[in-house]
N, C-alpha and C. Protein backbone atom coordinates (compact mmCIF):
# COMPACT_ATOMS: atom_id res chain seq x y z
N MET A 1 24.40 6.64 -25.94
CA MET A 1 23.05 6.63 -25.34
C MET A 1 22.97 7.59 -24.16
N ASP A 2 21.89 8.34 -24.08
CA ASP A 2 21.68 9.27 -22.98
C ASP A 2 21.55 8.51 -21.67
N ALA A 3 22.42 8.83 -20.69
CA ALA A 3 22.40 8.12 -19.41
C ALA A 3 21.10 8.35 -18.65
N ASN A 4 20.39 9.45 -18.99
CA ASN A 4 19.14 9.75 -18.30
C ASN A 4 17.94 9.01 -18.89
N GLN A 5 18.14 8.40 -20.05
CA GLN A 5 17.05 7.66 -20.68
C GLN A 5 16.94 6.27 -20.05
N PRO A 6 15.71 5.80 -19.84
CA PRO A 6 15.56 4.46 -19.25
C PRO A 6 16.07 3.38 -20.19
N THR A 7 16.64 2.33 -19.62
CA THR A 7 17.09 1.20 -20.41
C THR A 7 15.87 0.42 -20.91
N ALA A 8 16.13 -0.55 -21.80
CA ALA A 8 15.03 -1.38 -22.30
C ALA A 8 14.35 -2.12 -21.15
N LYS A 9 15.14 -2.59 -20.19
CA LYS A 9 14.57 -3.30 -19.05
C LYS A 9 13.69 -2.38 -18.22
N GLU A 10 14.17 -1.15 -18.00
CA GLU A 10 13.38 -0.18 -17.24
C GLU A 10 12.09 0.18 -17.97
N ARG A 11 12.16 0.33 -19.28
CA ARG A 11 10.96 0.63 -20.06
C ARG A 11 9.95 -0.52 -19.97
N LEU A 12 10.46 -1.74 -19.99
CA LEU A 12 9.56 -2.88 -19.84
C LEU A 12 8.87 -2.87 -18.49
N LEU A 13 9.62 -2.59 -17.43
CA LEU A 13 9.02 -2.56 -16.09
C LEU A 13 7.98 -1.45 -15.98
N GLN A 14 8.31 -0.27 -16.50
CA GLN A 14 7.37 0.85 -16.46
C GLN A 14 6.11 0.55 -17.26
N THR A 15 6.30 -0.06 -18.44
CA THR A 15 5.16 -0.41 -19.27
C THR A 15 4.33 -1.52 -18.64
N GLY A 16 5.01 -2.51 -18.08
CA GLY A 16 4.30 -3.60 -17.40
C GLY A 16 3.47 -3.08 -16.25
N LEU A 17 4.02 -2.14 -15.48
CA LEU A 17 3.28 -1.53 -14.38
C LEU A 17 2.01 -0.88 -14.90
N ARG A 18 2.12 -0.14 -15.97
CA ARG A 18 0.97 0.57 -16.52
C ARG A 18 -0.09 -0.39 -17.06
N LEU A 19 0.34 -1.38 -17.83
CA LEU A 19 -0.63 -2.28 -18.48
C LEU A 19 -1.21 -3.31 -17.52
N PHE A 20 -0.40 -3.87 -16.65
CA PHE A 20 -0.93 -4.82 -15.68
C PHE A 20 -1.91 -4.13 -14.73
N SER A 21 -1.62 -2.88 -14.37
CA SER A 21 -2.52 -2.16 -13.47
C SER A 21 -3.84 -1.84 -14.15
N ARG A 22 -3.81 -1.73 -15.46
CA ARG A 22 -5.02 -1.39 -16.21
C ARG A 22 -5.84 -2.62 -16.59
N HIS A 23 -5.17 -3.71 -16.98
CA HIS A 23 -5.87 -4.87 -17.53
C HIS A 23 -5.77 -6.13 -16.68
N GLY A 24 -4.86 -6.15 -15.71
CA GLY A 24 -4.65 -7.37 -14.94
C GLY A 24 -3.68 -8.32 -15.64
N TYR A 25 -3.34 -9.40 -14.97
CA TYR A 25 -2.34 -10.33 -15.47
C TYR A 25 -2.81 -11.07 -16.72
N ASP A 26 -3.97 -11.69 -16.65
CA ASP A 26 -4.42 -12.56 -17.73
C ASP A 26 -4.64 -11.82 -19.04
N ALA A 27 -5.17 -10.60 -18.96
CA ALA A 27 -5.53 -9.86 -20.16
C ALA A 27 -4.37 -9.05 -20.75
N THR A 28 -3.21 -9.10 -20.11
CA THR A 28 -2.05 -8.37 -20.61
C THR A 28 -1.05 -9.36 -21.21
N SER A 29 -0.79 -9.26 -22.47
CA SER A 29 0.13 -10.18 -23.13
C SER A 29 1.52 -9.57 -23.21
N THR A 30 2.51 -10.43 -23.35
CA THR A 30 3.88 -9.94 -23.51
C THR A 30 4.02 -9.17 -24.83
N ARG A 31 3.26 -9.55 -25.83
CA ARG A 31 3.30 -8.82 -27.11
C ARG A 31 2.81 -7.38 -26.92
N MET A 32 1.74 -7.21 -26.14
CA MET A 32 1.24 -5.86 -25.84
C MET A 32 2.31 -5.04 -25.15
N ILE A 33 2.96 -5.64 -24.17
CA ILE A 33 3.96 -4.93 -23.38
C ILE A 33 5.14 -4.52 -24.25
N ALA A 34 5.66 -5.46 -25.03
CA ALA A 34 6.81 -5.17 -25.89
C ALA A 34 6.48 -4.06 -26.88
N ALA A 35 5.30 -4.12 -27.48
CA ALA A 35 4.92 -3.11 -28.46
C ALA A 35 4.82 -1.73 -27.80
N ASP A 36 4.21 -1.67 -26.63
CA ASP A 36 4.03 -0.40 -25.93
C ASP A 36 5.37 0.16 -25.46
N ALA A 37 6.30 -0.73 -25.08
CA ALA A 37 7.61 -0.29 -24.61
C ALA A 37 8.60 -0.04 -25.75
N HIS A 38 8.18 -0.37 -26.97
CA HIS A 38 9.02 -0.19 -28.16
C HIS A 38 10.32 -0.99 -28.06
N VAL A 39 10.18 -2.25 -27.67
CA VAL A 39 11.32 -3.15 -27.62
C VAL A 39 10.95 -4.46 -28.31
N ASN A 40 11.95 -5.23 -28.67
CA ASN A 40 11.72 -6.52 -29.27
C ASN A 40 11.08 -7.46 -28.26
N LEU A 41 10.13 -8.27 -28.71
CA LEU A 41 9.45 -9.20 -27.82
C LEU A 41 10.42 -10.11 -27.08
N ASN A 42 11.52 -10.47 -27.72
CA ASN A 42 12.50 -11.37 -27.09
C ASN A 42 13.18 -10.75 -25.87
N MET A 43 13.09 -9.43 -25.73
CA MET A 43 13.73 -8.78 -24.59
C MET A 43 13.09 -9.20 -23.27
N ILE A 44 11.81 -9.50 -23.28
CA ILE A 44 11.15 -9.97 -22.05
C ILE A 44 11.72 -11.31 -21.64
N GLN A 45 11.89 -12.20 -22.61
CA GLN A 45 12.49 -13.50 -22.34
C GLN A 45 13.94 -13.33 -21.88
N PHE A 46 14.66 -12.44 -22.51
CA PHE A 46 16.08 -12.23 -22.20
C PHE A 46 16.26 -11.72 -20.77
N HIS A 47 15.47 -10.72 -20.38
CA HIS A 47 15.66 -10.10 -19.07
C HIS A 47 14.94 -10.84 -17.94
N PHE A 48 13.80 -11.48 -18.26
CA PHE A 48 12.97 -12.03 -17.19
C PHE A 48 12.65 -13.52 -17.35
N GLY A 49 12.85 -14.09 -18.51
CA GLY A 49 12.60 -15.51 -18.68
C GLY A 49 11.14 -15.88 -18.89
N GLY A 50 10.29 -14.94 -19.27
CA GLY A 50 8.90 -15.25 -19.53
C GLY A 50 7.94 -14.33 -18.78
N LYS A 51 6.67 -14.46 -19.09
CA LYS A 51 5.65 -13.56 -18.56
C LYS A 51 5.52 -13.64 -17.05
N GLU A 52 5.52 -14.86 -16.49
CA GLU A 52 5.31 -14.99 -15.05
C GLU A 52 6.42 -14.32 -14.26
N ASN A 53 7.67 -14.57 -14.65
CA ASN A 53 8.78 -13.92 -13.95
C ASN A 53 8.80 -12.43 -14.20
N PHE A 54 8.35 -12.03 -15.39
CA PHE A 54 8.26 -10.59 -15.67
C PHE A 54 7.25 -9.93 -14.74
N TYR A 55 6.10 -10.57 -14.56
CA TYR A 55 5.08 -10.05 -13.66
C TYR A 55 5.62 -9.93 -12.23
N ARG A 56 6.36 -10.95 -11.81
CA ARG A 56 6.99 -10.88 -10.49
C ARG A 56 7.93 -9.68 -10.40
N GLY A 57 8.68 -9.47 -11.47
CA GLY A 57 9.60 -8.33 -11.50
C GLY A 57 8.88 -7.00 -11.42
N VAL A 58 7.75 -6.89 -12.11
CA VAL A 58 6.96 -5.66 -12.08
C VAL A 58 6.41 -5.41 -10.67
N LEU A 59 5.93 -6.48 -10.02
CA LEU A 59 5.41 -6.33 -8.66
C LEU A 59 6.51 -5.89 -7.70
N GLU A 60 7.70 -6.48 -7.84
CA GLU A 60 8.81 -6.08 -6.99
C GLU A 60 9.20 -4.63 -7.26
N TYR A 61 9.21 -4.27 -8.53
CA TYR A 61 9.51 -2.89 -8.93
C TYR A 61 8.50 -1.93 -8.31
N ALA A 62 7.23 -2.28 -8.38
CA ALA A 62 6.17 -1.42 -7.86
C ALA A 62 6.21 -1.34 -6.33
N SER A 63 6.64 -2.42 -5.69
CA SER A 63 6.66 -2.42 -4.23
C SER A 63 7.69 -1.43 -3.68
N GLY A 64 8.65 -1.04 -4.52
CA GLY A 64 9.65 -0.08 -4.07
C GLY A 64 9.05 1.25 -3.67
N ALA A 65 8.00 1.68 -4.38
CA ALA A 65 7.35 2.95 -4.04
C ALA A 65 6.66 2.87 -2.69
N LEU A 66 6.10 1.70 -2.36
CA LEU A 66 5.48 1.52 -1.05
C LEU A 66 6.52 1.57 0.05
N LYS A 67 7.66 0.93 -0.20
CA LYS A 67 8.74 0.98 0.79
C LYS A 67 9.20 2.40 1.01
N ASP A 68 9.25 3.18 -0.06
CA ASP A 68 9.65 4.58 0.07
C ASP A 68 8.62 5.37 0.87
N ALA A 69 7.34 5.08 0.63
CA ALA A 69 6.28 5.83 1.30
C ALA A 69 6.26 5.57 2.81
N TYR A 70 6.40 4.30 3.19
CA TYR A 70 6.31 3.93 4.60
C TYR A 70 7.67 3.82 5.29
N GLY A 71 8.74 3.73 4.48
CA GLY A 71 10.04 3.40 5.03
C GLY A 71 10.54 4.33 6.11
N GLY A 72 10.37 5.64 5.89
CA GLY A 72 10.90 6.61 6.85
C GLY A 72 10.30 6.46 8.23
N VAL A 73 8.98 6.49 8.32
CA VAL A 73 8.33 6.39 9.63
C VAL A 73 8.51 4.98 10.20
N TYR A 74 8.54 3.97 9.33
CA TYR A 74 8.75 2.59 9.80
C TYR A 74 10.10 2.47 10.50
N GLU A 75 11.15 3.02 9.90
CA GLU A 75 12.47 2.96 10.51
C GLU A 75 12.50 3.73 11.83
N GLU A 76 11.81 4.86 11.88
CA GLU A 76 11.75 5.62 13.13
C GLU A 76 11.07 4.82 14.23
N ILE A 77 10.01 4.11 13.88
CA ILE A 77 9.28 3.29 14.86
C ILE A 77 10.18 2.17 15.37
N GLN A 78 10.88 1.50 14.45
CA GLN A 78 11.77 0.41 14.86
C GLN A 78 12.88 0.93 15.76
N ALA A 79 13.40 2.12 15.45
CA ALA A 79 14.45 2.72 16.27
C ALA A 79 13.93 3.06 17.66
N ALA A 80 12.71 3.59 17.72
CA ALA A 80 12.11 3.92 19.02
C ALA A 80 11.90 2.66 19.86
N LYS A 81 11.46 1.58 19.22
CA LYS A 81 11.29 0.32 19.93
C LYS A 81 12.62 -0.18 20.48
N ALA A 82 13.67 -0.11 19.64
CA ALA A 82 14.99 -0.60 20.05
C ALA A 82 15.54 0.19 21.23
N LYS A 83 15.21 1.48 21.30
CA LYS A 83 15.69 2.32 22.39
C LYS A 83 14.79 2.27 23.61
N GLY A 84 13.66 1.57 23.52
CA GLY A 84 12.70 1.55 24.61
C GLY A 84 12.00 2.88 24.78
N ALA A 85 11.91 3.64 23.67
CA ALA A 85 11.35 4.99 23.73
C ALA A 85 9.94 5.07 23.15
N LEU A 86 9.31 3.92 22.93
CA LEU A 86 7.98 3.93 22.33
C LEU A 86 6.92 3.94 23.43
N ASP A 87 6.78 5.10 24.06
CA ASP A 87 5.75 5.23 25.08
C ASP A 87 4.42 5.59 24.42
N ALA A 88 3.38 5.79 25.22
CA ALA A 88 2.05 6.04 24.68
C ALA A 88 2.01 7.30 23.81
N GLU A 89 2.68 8.34 24.25
CA GLU A 89 2.67 9.59 23.49
C GLU A 89 3.35 9.42 22.13
N ALA A 90 4.50 8.76 22.13
CA ALA A 90 5.22 8.54 20.88
C ALA A 90 4.41 7.63 19.96
N ALA A 91 3.80 6.59 20.52
CA ALA A 91 2.99 5.67 19.71
C ALA A 91 1.83 6.40 19.05
N TRP A 92 1.18 7.27 19.79
CA TRP A 92 0.05 8.02 19.24
C TRP A 92 0.49 8.92 18.09
N GLY A 93 1.66 9.53 18.23
CA GLY A 93 2.19 10.36 17.15
C GLY A 93 2.49 9.55 15.91
N PHE A 94 3.07 8.36 16.09
CA PHE A 94 3.36 7.49 14.95
C PHE A 94 2.07 6.98 14.29
N ILE A 95 1.07 6.67 15.11
CA ILE A 95 -0.22 6.25 14.56
C ILE A 95 -0.78 7.34 13.65
N SER A 96 -0.73 8.57 14.09
CA SER A 96 -1.24 9.68 13.32
C SER A 96 -0.49 9.81 11.99
N ARG A 97 0.81 9.64 12.01
CA ARG A 97 1.61 9.75 10.79
C ARG A 97 1.32 8.61 9.82
N LEU A 98 1.16 7.40 10.35
CA LEU A 98 0.83 6.27 9.49
C LEU A 98 -0.52 6.48 8.79
N ILE A 99 -1.49 6.95 9.54
CA ILE A 99 -2.81 7.19 8.97
C ILE A 99 -2.73 8.27 7.88
N ASP A 100 -1.93 9.30 8.10
CA ASP A 100 -1.76 10.34 7.09
C ASP A 100 -1.19 9.77 5.79
N ILE A 101 -0.20 8.91 5.92
CA ILE A 101 0.42 8.29 4.73
C ILE A 101 -0.61 7.46 3.98
N GLN A 102 -1.37 6.67 4.73
CA GLN A 102 -2.37 5.80 4.11
C GLN A 102 -3.47 6.61 3.42
N LEU A 103 -3.95 7.63 4.08
CA LEU A 103 -4.99 8.47 3.49
C LEU A 103 -4.49 9.17 2.23
N HIS A 104 -3.26 9.65 2.28
CA HIS A 104 -2.69 10.31 1.11
C HIS A 104 -2.60 9.35 -0.06
N ALA A 105 -2.11 8.13 0.19
CA ALA A 105 -1.93 7.15 -0.88
C ALA A 105 -3.25 6.77 -1.54
N VAL A 106 -4.30 6.65 -0.74
CA VAL A 106 -5.58 6.14 -1.26
C VAL A 106 -6.51 7.26 -1.72
N ILE A 107 -6.57 8.35 -0.98
CA ILE A 107 -7.49 9.44 -1.33
C ILE A 107 -6.90 10.38 -2.38
N ASP A 108 -5.67 10.82 -2.15
CA ASP A 108 -5.02 11.70 -3.14
C ASP A 108 -4.57 10.92 -4.37
N GLN A 109 -4.25 9.65 -4.18
CA GLN A 109 -3.79 8.76 -5.25
C GLN A 109 -2.67 9.39 -6.09
N PRO A 110 -1.53 9.72 -5.47
CA PRO A 110 -0.42 10.28 -6.23
C PRO A 110 0.18 9.27 -7.20
N ASP A 111 -0.05 7.99 -6.95
CA ASP A 111 0.51 6.94 -7.79
C ASP A 111 -0.57 5.91 -8.10
N PRO A 112 -1.60 6.29 -8.88
CA PRO A 112 -2.76 5.42 -9.06
C PRO A 112 -2.44 4.09 -9.73
N GLU A 113 -1.40 4.06 -10.59
CA GLU A 113 -1.07 2.80 -11.26
C GLU A 113 -0.58 1.75 -10.25
N ARG A 114 0.27 2.17 -9.33
CA ARG A 114 0.75 1.23 -8.32
C ARG A 114 -0.39 0.80 -7.39
N LEU A 115 -1.27 1.72 -7.08
CA LEU A 115 -2.41 1.39 -6.23
C LEU A 115 -3.31 0.37 -6.94
N SER A 116 -3.57 0.59 -8.22
CA SER A 116 -4.40 -0.34 -8.97
C SER A 116 -3.73 -1.70 -9.09
N LEU A 117 -2.42 -1.71 -9.29
CA LEU A 117 -1.71 -2.97 -9.43
C LEU A 117 -1.78 -3.79 -8.14
N MET A 118 -1.77 -3.11 -7.00
CA MET A 118 -1.86 -3.84 -5.74
C MET A 118 -3.22 -4.53 -5.62
N TYR A 119 -4.28 -3.90 -6.11
CA TYR A 119 -5.59 -4.55 -6.09
C TYR A 119 -5.59 -5.78 -6.99
N TRP A 120 -4.97 -5.67 -8.19
CA TRP A 120 -4.86 -6.82 -9.08
C TRP A 120 -4.02 -7.92 -8.42
N GLU A 121 -2.95 -7.53 -7.79
CA GLU A 121 -2.06 -8.49 -7.14
C GLU A 121 -2.81 -9.35 -6.13
N GLN A 122 -3.72 -8.73 -5.42
CA GLN A 122 -4.46 -9.44 -4.38
C GLN A 122 -5.52 -10.38 -4.93
N ARG A 123 -5.93 -10.16 -6.20
CA ARG A 123 -7.04 -10.94 -6.76
C ARG A 123 -6.60 -11.97 -7.79
N THR A 124 -5.65 -11.60 -8.64
CA THR A 124 -5.28 -12.47 -9.74
C THR A 124 -3.78 -12.45 -9.96
N GLY A 125 -3.31 -13.34 -10.82
CA GLY A 125 -1.91 -13.32 -11.21
C GLY A 125 -1.14 -14.51 -10.70
N VAL A 126 0.12 -14.31 -10.38
CA VAL A 126 1.02 -15.39 -9.99
C VAL A 126 0.79 -15.77 -8.54
N ALA A 127 0.66 -17.06 -8.29
CA ALA A 127 0.42 -17.54 -6.93
C ALA A 127 1.62 -17.25 -6.03
N ASP A 128 1.31 -16.95 -4.77
CA ASP A 128 2.35 -16.73 -3.75
C ASP A 128 3.32 -15.61 -4.13
N CYS A 129 2.83 -14.62 -4.83
CA CYS A 129 3.67 -13.48 -5.19
C CYS A 129 2.91 -12.20 -4.90
N THR A 130 3.08 -11.70 -3.69
CA THR A 130 2.35 -10.50 -3.28
C THR A 130 3.29 -9.51 -2.58
N PRO A 131 4.37 -9.09 -3.24
CA PRO A 131 5.33 -8.21 -2.57
C PRO A 131 4.75 -6.87 -2.16
N MET A 132 3.82 -6.31 -2.95
CA MET A 132 3.24 -5.03 -2.59
C MET A 132 2.38 -5.16 -1.34
N SER A 133 1.54 -6.19 -1.32
CA SER A 133 0.69 -6.42 -0.15
C SER A 133 1.53 -6.76 1.07
N ASP A 134 2.63 -7.48 0.86
CA ASP A 134 3.51 -7.85 1.97
C ASP A 134 4.13 -6.61 2.61
N VAL A 135 4.57 -5.67 1.76
CA VAL A 135 5.13 -4.42 2.28
C VAL A 135 4.08 -3.64 3.07
N ALA A 136 2.88 -3.52 2.48
CA ALA A 136 1.81 -2.79 3.16
C ALA A 136 1.44 -3.45 4.48
N GLN A 137 1.42 -4.80 4.48
CA GLN A 137 1.05 -5.51 5.71
C GLN A 137 2.10 -5.31 6.80
N THR A 138 3.38 -5.40 6.41
CA THR A 138 4.47 -5.29 7.39
C THR A 138 4.65 -3.86 7.87
N MET A 139 4.77 -2.94 6.92
CA MET A 139 5.12 -1.56 7.27
C MET A 139 3.94 -0.74 7.75
N CYS A 140 2.72 -1.16 7.38
CA CYS A 140 1.55 -0.37 7.77
C CYS A 140 0.65 -1.12 8.73
N GLU A 141 0.08 -2.23 8.28
CA GLU A 141 -0.94 -2.89 9.09
C GLU A 141 -0.38 -3.50 10.37
N ALA A 142 0.66 -4.32 10.25
CA ALA A 142 1.25 -4.94 11.45
C ALA A 142 1.87 -3.88 12.36
N THR A 143 2.46 -2.88 11.73
CA THR A 143 3.07 -1.80 12.53
C THR A 143 2.01 -1.01 13.28
N LEU A 144 0.89 -0.72 12.63
CA LEU A 144 -0.19 -0.03 13.32
C LEU A 144 -0.69 -0.85 14.50
N ALA A 145 -0.82 -2.15 14.32
CA ALA A 145 -1.27 -3.01 15.43
C ALA A 145 -0.31 -2.93 16.60
N SER A 146 0.99 -2.95 16.32
CA SER A 146 1.98 -2.87 17.40
C SER A 146 1.95 -1.51 18.09
N LEU A 147 1.64 -0.47 17.33
CA LEU A 147 1.54 0.87 17.92
C LEU A 147 0.32 0.99 18.82
N ILE A 148 -0.77 0.33 18.44
CA ILE A 148 -1.97 0.34 19.28
C ILE A 148 -1.67 -0.31 20.62
N VAL A 149 -0.93 -1.41 20.59
CA VAL A 149 -0.54 -2.07 21.85
C VAL A 149 0.37 -1.17 22.68
N ALA A 150 1.28 -0.46 22.00
CA ALA A 150 2.17 0.45 22.72
C ALA A 150 1.39 1.62 23.31
N TYR A 151 0.36 2.05 22.60
CA TYR A 151 -0.46 3.17 23.07
C TYR A 151 -1.32 2.74 24.25
N ARG A 152 -1.91 1.55 24.17
CA ARG A 152 -2.74 0.99 25.24
C ARG A 152 -2.20 -0.38 25.60
N PRO A 153 -1.25 -0.48 26.51
CA PRO A 153 -0.64 -1.76 26.83
C PRO A 153 -1.63 -2.84 27.26
N GLY A 154 -2.82 -2.47 27.70
CA GLY A 154 -3.80 -3.47 28.10
C GLY A 154 -4.48 -4.16 26.94
N VAL A 155 -4.30 -3.63 25.73
CA VAL A 155 -4.92 -4.23 24.54
C VAL A 155 -4.10 -5.45 24.11
N ASP A 156 -4.76 -6.60 23.93
CA ASP A 156 -4.01 -7.77 23.48
C ASP A 156 -3.73 -7.66 21.99
N GLU A 157 -2.73 -8.42 21.52
CA GLU A 157 -2.26 -8.27 20.14
C GLU A 157 -3.30 -8.69 19.11
N HIS A 158 -4.18 -9.63 19.46
CA HIS A 158 -5.20 -10.07 18.51
C HIS A 158 -6.25 -8.96 18.29
N THR A 159 -6.64 -8.32 19.37
CA THR A 159 -7.57 -7.20 19.25
C THR A 159 -6.95 -6.07 18.45
N ALA A 160 -5.66 -5.79 18.70
CA ALA A 160 -4.96 -4.74 17.97
C ALA A 160 -4.89 -5.08 16.48
N ALA A 161 -4.68 -6.36 16.15
CA ALA A 161 -4.62 -6.78 14.74
C ALA A 161 -5.97 -6.60 14.06
N VAL A 162 -7.06 -6.94 14.76
CA VAL A 162 -8.40 -6.77 14.20
C VAL A 162 -8.70 -5.28 13.98
N LEU A 163 -8.34 -4.46 14.94
CA LEU A 163 -8.59 -3.03 14.83
C LEU A 163 -7.77 -2.43 13.68
N SER A 164 -6.51 -2.85 13.56
CA SER A 164 -5.68 -2.37 12.47
C SER A 164 -6.25 -2.78 11.11
N ARG A 165 -6.72 -4.02 11.00
CA ARG A 165 -7.32 -4.50 9.75
C ARG A 165 -8.57 -3.70 9.41
N PHE A 166 -9.37 -3.40 10.43
CA PHE A 166 -10.58 -2.61 10.23
C PHE A 166 -10.23 -1.22 9.70
N ILE A 167 -9.23 -0.59 10.31
CA ILE A 167 -8.83 0.76 9.92
C ILE A 167 -8.24 0.76 8.51
N ASN A 168 -7.26 -0.10 8.27
CA ASN A 168 -6.59 -0.11 6.98
C ASN A 168 -7.51 -0.59 5.86
N GLY A 169 -8.31 -1.62 6.16
CA GLY A 169 -9.26 -2.09 5.15
C GLY A 169 -10.26 -1.03 4.78
N GLY A 170 -10.72 -0.27 5.78
CA GLY A 170 -11.66 0.81 5.51
C GLY A 170 -11.06 1.89 4.64
N ILE A 171 -9.80 2.25 4.90
CA ILE A 171 -9.15 3.28 4.09
C ILE A 171 -8.95 2.78 2.66
N VAL A 172 -8.44 1.55 2.53
CA VAL A 172 -8.16 1.00 1.21
C VAL A 172 -9.42 0.90 0.36
N SER A 173 -10.55 0.64 0.99
CA SER A 173 -11.80 0.48 0.24
C SER A 173 -12.17 1.74 -0.53
N PHE A 174 -11.67 2.89 -0.10
CA PHE A 174 -11.97 4.13 -0.81
C PHE A 174 -11.34 4.14 -2.20
N GLY A 175 -10.25 3.41 -2.38
CA GLY A 175 -9.60 3.39 -3.67
C GLY A 175 -9.97 2.20 -4.53
N GLU A 176 -10.68 1.22 -3.97
CA GLU A 176 -10.98 0.00 -4.70
C GLU A 176 -12.10 0.15 -5.72
N HIS A 177 -13.08 0.95 -5.41
CA HIS A 177 -14.24 1.07 -6.29
C HIS A 177 -13.90 1.94 -7.48
N PRO A 178 -14.02 1.42 -8.71
CA PRO A 178 -13.62 2.19 -9.90
C PRO A 178 -14.31 3.55 -10.01
N GLU A 179 -15.61 3.60 -9.73
CA GLU A 179 -16.32 4.87 -9.86
C GLU A 179 -15.80 5.89 -8.85
N PHE A 180 -15.52 5.43 -7.65
CA PHE A 180 -15.01 6.35 -6.64
C PHE A 180 -13.61 6.83 -7.03
N SER A 181 -12.80 5.91 -7.57
CA SER A 181 -11.46 6.29 -8.00
C SER A 181 -11.52 7.35 -9.10
N ARG A 182 -12.42 7.15 -10.06
CA ARG A 182 -12.54 8.14 -11.13
C ARG A 182 -13.05 9.47 -10.59
N LEU A 183 -13.92 9.40 -9.62
CA LEU A 183 -14.44 10.61 -9.00
C LEU A 183 -13.30 11.41 -8.38
N LEU A 184 -12.38 10.71 -7.74
CA LEU A 184 -11.27 11.39 -7.08
C LEU A 184 -10.18 11.82 -8.04
N ASN A 185 -10.14 11.23 -9.20
CA ASN A 185 -9.09 11.54 -10.16
C ASN A 185 -9.49 12.67 -11.10
N GLY A 186 -9.95 13.78 -10.54
CA GLY A 186 -10.12 14.98 -11.33
C GLY A 186 -11.50 15.27 -11.87
N ARG A 187 -12.48 14.41 -11.59
CA ARG A 187 -13.81 14.67 -12.13
C ARG A 187 -14.62 15.62 -11.26
N ILE A 188 -14.10 15.89 -10.09
CA ILE A 188 -14.74 16.86 -9.22
C ILE A 188 -13.65 17.76 -8.66
N SER A 189 -14.05 18.80 -7.97
CA SER A 189 -13.10 19.77 -7.45
C SER A 189 -12.07 19.11 -6.55
N ASP A 190 -10.82 19.56 -6.68
CA ASP A 190 -9.73 18.96 -5.90
C ASP A 190 -9.95 19.05 -4.40
N ASN A 191 -10.64 20.09 -3.94
CA ASN A 191 -10.78 20.25 -2.50
C ASN A 191 -11.69 19.20 -1.87
N VAL A 192 -12.39 18.42 -2.70
CA VAL A 192 -13.23 17.36 -2.15
C VAL A 192 -12.37 16.30 -1.48
N THR A 193 -11.23 15.96 -2.08
CA THR A 193 -10.35 14.96 -1.46
C THR A 193 -9.84 15.46 -0.12
N GLY A 194 -9.56 16.76 -0.05
CA GLY A 194 -9.12 17.32 1.22
C GLY A 194 -10.19 17.22 2.28
N ARG A 195 -11.44 17.47 1.89
CA ARG A 195 -12.54 17.39 2.85
C ARG A 195 -12.76 15.95 3.31
N ILE A 196 -12.57 15.00 2.38
CA ILE A 196 -12.71 13.59 2.75
C ILE A 196 -11.67 13.22 3.80
N LYS A 197 -10.44 13.62 3.57
CA LYS A 197 -9.37 13.31 4.54
C LYS A 197 -9.62 14.00 5.88
N GLU A 198 -10.06 15.23 5.81
CA GLU A 198 -10.34 15.97 7.04
C GLU A 198 -11.45 15.30 7.86
N ALA A 199 -12.41 14.70 7.17
CA ALA A 199 -13.50 14.01 7.87
C ALA A 199 -13.05 12.65 8.41
N LEU A 200 -12.25 11.94 7.60
CA LEU A 200 -11.86 10.59 7.98
C LEU A 200 -10.84 10.55 9.11
N LYS A 201 -9.88 11.46 9.08
CA LYS A 201 -8.77 11.40 10.04
C LYS A 201 -9.26 11.41 11.50
N PRO A 202 -10.07 12.39 11.91
CA PRO A 202 -10.52 12.37 13.30
C PRO A 202 -11.40 11.17 13.62
N PHE A 203 -12.20 10.71 12.64
CA PHE A 203 -13.03 9.53 12.86
C PHE A 203 -12.15 8.30 13.13
N ILE A 204 -11.10 8.15 12.33
CA ILE A 204 -10.19 7.02 12.51
C ILE A 204 -9.48 7.10 13.86
N MET A 205 -8.97 8.26 14.18
CA MET A 205 -8.24 8.41 15.44
C MET A 205 -9.16 8.19 16.64
N SER A 206 -10.38 8.69 16.56
CA SER A 206 -11.31 8.49 17.67
C SER A 206 -11.74 7.03 17.77
N SER A 207 -11.80 6.32 16.62
CA SER A 207 -12.13 4.90 16.64
C SER A 207 -11.04 4.11 17.35
N ILE A 208 -9.80 4.41 17.04
CA ILE A 208 -8.68 3.75 17.71
C ILE A 208 -8.71 4.05 19.20
N GLU A 209 -8.92 5.30 19.53
CA GLU A 209 -8.98 5.71 20.93
C GLU A 209 -10.12 5.00 21.65
N GLY A 210 -11.29 4.98 21.03
CA GLY A 210 -12.46 4.40 21.67
C GLY A 210 -12.35 2.90 21.86
N TYR A 211 -11.98 2.17 20.80
CA TYR A 211 -11.90 0.71 20.90
C TYR A 211 -10.77 0.27 21.83
N SER A 212 -9.67 1.00 21.80
CA SER A 212 -8.54 0.59 22.64
C SER A 212 -8.77 0.93 24.11
N ARG A 213 -9.82 1.72 24.39
CA ARG A 213 -10.11 2.07 25.78
C ARG A 213 -10.99 1.02 26.45
N GLY A 214 -11.39 -0.04 25.70
CA GLY A 214 -12.26 -1.07 26.28
C GLY A 214 -11.53 -2.00 27.19
N ASP A 215 -12.00 -3.26 27.27
CA ASP A 215 -11.39 -4.20 28.20
C ASP A 215 -10.11 -4.81 27.68
N GLY A 216 -9.71 -4.41 26.46
CA GLY A 216 -8.43 -4.86 25.95
C GLY A 216 -8.48 -6.17 25.18
N ASN A 217 -9.63 -6.83 25.15
CA ASN A 217 -9.71 -8.11 24.44
C ASN A 217 -11.02 -8.19 23.68
N LEU A 218 -11.00 -7.71 22.46
CA LEU A 218 -12.20 -7.65 21.62
C LEU A 218 -12.72 -9.05 21.29
N LEU A 219 -11.82 -10.04 21.21
CA LEU A 219 -12.18 -11.37 20.74
C LEU A 219 -12.51 -12.34 21.86
N GLY A 220 -12.32 -11.92 23.08
CA GLY A 220 -12.59 -12.82 24.21
C GLY A 220 -11.44 -13.79 24.44
N ASP A 221 -11.63 -14.72 25.36
CA ASP A 221 -10.57 -15.63 25.73
C ASP A 221 -10.54 -16.93 24.91
N GLY A 222 -11.65 -17.18 24.16
CA GLY A 222 -11.83 -18.46 23.53
C GLY A 222 -10.86 -18.79 22.45
């Protein structure tokens, strides 16, 4: 067997990613997956023990790409915190890099199947199994909130969390709408995505700057 060829288990994971991202959990059967992956139906039971555990495996498999996307800057941020080197200037630079990663993932959509699967993960499927969302929350959303506090020490953590949710939720919404996703996936000139990012980036950065310059407590004392 060619060592470069994916194993049956890898083909199942790749196929599951594609079909679950397209149809969701309920509408994707194990028979569909096995047929598309060109493996015996029993292989799903053998490797994963059934559809639910297989879906969990696909989500974990897909979350690896998110870890790769955010992992580098996330580790740099953690290292800066450990060294006590996360001053306002460094925090602002990390904020800018995080926003770039998020905009690239949602606007350019280099990996649309994983992006679509994360939307399905948040709405339907196996209860208490959200590894993709967990990675995004930890490495992006919670990290952005901590960077806002580092950038403006007077901002309380609750206000920073609300601001981070506003920023990340706003970016993610660009990829959630099917028509908008299709629009960005080649139905119009490629430079449109670049113009969208160019418009959004300064707006996002100025929003962070503006809100964090307030009294530091968006939610009040209550």
